[in-house]
């Protein structure tokens, strides 16, 4: 009886193609995930200047201590019929030296430059608006 030679079938080429596909797939997912993270958390959506009287600046947070502030803008608005509310601009502050300066001069009128992000990060603050510099400060004139 003649013996037949069976060639062993190698699965190596099939496995390497599958491994190459999954490697490329994972790399593409990481790049897409990084792009989505950048777009939602690091991309500056808008920037501008807000003016008003500085109400307060506080340092707060459970794990990440960040500086938060509130600016009261002149004028009034009505959110519901029959009620009047002043314009308030709540913001986070970019660095310690800027926050300390604002704390030491609270109650004055400021023009504050801010950057707006789509979402917040815990170490950046509670607000989507992050003040990064003071354009102008005016002391409050005492009432007579």
Protein backbone atom coordinates (compact mmCIF):
# COMPACT_ATOMS: atom_id res chain seq x y z
CA UNK A 1 0.00 0.00 0.00
CA UNK A 2 1.49 3.27 -1.05
CA UNK A 3 2.03 5.83 1.65
CA UNK A 4 0.59 9.23 1.08
CA UNK A 5 2.49 12.28 2.15
CA UNK A 6 0.21 14.72 3.88
CA UNK A 7 1.52 18.20 3.98
CA UNK A 8 0.93 19.90 7.22
CA UNK A 9 -1.19 22.95 6.74
CA UNK A 10 0.38 25.97 8.28
CA UNK A 11 -1.93 28.39 10.09
CA UNK A 12 0.82 30.93 10.40
CA UNK A 13 -0.14 33.10 7.38
CA UNK A 14 -3.77 33.18 8.52
CA UNK A 15 -2.83 34.15 12.07
CA UNK A 16 -0.44 36.88 10.96
CA UNK A 17 -3.12 38.46 8.76
CA UNK A 18 -5.60 38.36 11.63
CA UNK A 19 -3.03 39.78 14.03
CA UNK A 20 -2.17 42.56 11.57
CA UNK A 21 -5.88 43.40 11.14
CA UNK A 22 -6.48 43.62 14.90
CA UNK A 23 -3.34 45.70 15.41
CA UNK A 24 -4.42 48.22 12.77
CA UNK A 25 -7.99 48.17 14.16
CA UNK A 26 -6.75 48.92 17.71
CA UNK A 27 -4.48 51.72 16.47
CA UNK A 28 -7.38 53.30 14.57
CA UNK A 29 -9.61 53.06 17.67
CA UNK A 30 -6.94 54.72 19.83
CA UNK A 31 -6.51 57.55 17.30
CA UNK A 32 -10.29 58.09 17.08
CA UNK A 33 -10.58 58.00 20.90
CA UNK A 34 -7.75 60.52 21.29
CA UNK A 35 -9.42 62.79 18.72
CA UNK A 36 -12.76 62.61 20.52
CA UNK A 37 -11.08 63.33 23.88
CA UNK A 38 -9.20 66.31 22.40
CA UNK A 39 -12.38 67.68 20.77
CA UNK A 40 -14.50 67.40 23.91
CA UNK A 41 -12.01 68.36 26.63
CA UNK A 42 -9.02 70.26 25.19
CA UNK A 43 -10.36 72.12 22.14
CA UNK A 44 -11.12 75.78 22.90
CA UNK A 45 -14.71 76.12 21.74
CA UNK A 46 -14.87 79.88 22.26
CA UNK A 47 -13.13 82.77 23.94
CA UNK A 48 -14.05 86.28 24.88
CA UNK A 49 -14.18 88.98 27.54
CA UNK A 50 -16.73 89.40 30.32
CA UNK A 51 -17.02 92.57 32.40
CA UNK A 52 -18.50 93.09 35.82
CA UNK A 53 -17.95 93.31 39.54
CA UNK A 54 -16.08 90.40 41.10
CA UNK A 55 -18.33 88.78 43.68
CA UNK A 56 -16.04 86.05 45.02
CA UNK A 57 -13.12 83.73 44.36
CA UNK A 58 -12.83 80.48 46.32
CA UNK A 59 -10.56 77.45 46.30
CA UNK A 60 -12.58 74.26 46.52
CA UNK A 61 -12.73 70.64 45.50
CA UNK A 62 -12.58 67.16 46.98
CA UNK A 63 -9.59 65.69 45.21
CA UNK A 64 -8.45 68.50 42.90
CA UNK A 65 -8.48 71.94 44.56
CA UNK A 66 -9.35 74.53 41.94
CA UNK A 67 -10.17 78.22 42.06
CA UNK A 68 -13.73 79.19 41.19
CA UNK A 69 -15.20 82.68 40.91
CA UNK A 70 -18.30 84.66 40.13
CA UNK A 71 -18.61 87.95 38.29
CA UNK A 72 -21.81 90.01 38.59
CA UNK A 73 -22.50 91.81 35.31
CA UNK A 74 -24.51 94.99 35.06
CA UNK A 75 -28.09 94.68 33.85
CA UNK A 76 -30.93 92.37 34.70
CA UNK A 77 -32.66 89.48 33.03
CA UNK A 78 -35.84 87.60 33.67
CA UNK A 79 -35.74 83.81 33.48
CA UNK A 80 -39.33 83.40 34.60
CA UNK A 81 -42.26 85.76 34.35
CA UNK A 82 -42.32 88.20 37.25
CA UNK A 83 -38.76 87.54 38.49
CA UNK A 84 -35.62 89.61 38.05
CA UNK A 85 -32.12 88.19 38.30
CA UNK A 86 -28.74 89.79 37.68
CA UNK A 87 -26.34 88.40 35.10
CA UNK A 88 -23.83 86.11 36.75
CA UNK A 89 -20.72 84.69 35.14
CA UNK A 90 -19.32 81.68 37.01
CA UNK A 91 -15.83 80.63 36.00
CA UNK A 92 -12.74 78.64 36.92
CA UNK A 93 -9.33 80.27 37.13
CA UNK A 94 -6.32 79.04 35.16
CA UNK A 95 -3.51 79.60 37.68
CA UNK A 96 -2.76 80.35 41.33
CA UNK A 97 -1.17 83.79 40.86
CA UNK A 98 -4.19 85.08 38.91
CA UNK A 99 -6.56 83.65 41.54
CA UNK A 100 -4.62 85.24 44.40
CA UNK A 101 -4.65 88.62 42.66
CA UNK A 102 -8.42 88.40 42.14
CA UNK A 103 -8.93 87.30 45.77
CA UNK A 104 -6.96 90.27 47.08
CA UNK A 105 -8.96 92.71 44.93
CA UNK A 106 -12.48 91.28 45.07
CA UNK A 107 -15.35 93.73 44.73
CA UNK A 108 -13.66 95.71 41.94
CA UNK A 109 -14.82 95.87 38.32
CA UNK A 110 -12.92 93.64 35.92
CA UNK A 111 -12.68 92.83 32.26
CA UNK A 112 -11.71 89.14 32.29
CA UNK A 113 -10.54 87.14 29.29
CA UNK A 114 -11.83 83.58 29.28
CA UNK A 115 -11.71 80.38 27.23
CA UNK A 116 -14.75 78.16 26.83
CA UNK A 117 -14.44 74.39 26.57
CA UNK A 118 -17.14 71.87 25.67
CA UNK A 119 -16.73 69.86 28.90
CA UNK A 120 -14.94 70.20 32.23
CA UNK A 121 -11.95 68.30 33.57
CA UNK A 122 -11.57 67.79 37.35
CA UNK A 123 -8.14 69.44 37.52
CA UNK A 124 -9.24 72.40 35.40
CA UNK A 125 -12.26 73.37 37.52
CA UNK A 126 -16.02 73.03 37.82
CA UNK A 127 -16.89 75.45 35.04
CA UNK A 128 -16.55 75.20 31.26
CA UNK A 129 -15.35 78.83 31.34
CA UNK A 130 -11.71 79.27 32.37
CA UNK A 131 -10.38 82.79 33.04
CA UNK A 132 -6.77 83.06 31.91
CA UNK A 133 -5.99 86.79 32.19
CA UNK A 134 -7.20 90.16 33.40
CA UNK A 135 -7.71 92.74 30.67
CA UNK A 136 -8.58 95.67 32.93
CA UNK A 137 -9.42 96.37 36.57
CA UNK A 138 -11.23 99.43 37.96
CA UNK A 139 -11.68 100.08 41.67
CA UNK A 140 -15.27 100.51 42.81
CA UNK A 141 -16.20 104.15 43.36
CA UNK A 142 -17.66 104.73 46.85
CA UNK A 143 -21.29 105.81 46.87
CA UNK A 144 -22.08 109.29 48.14
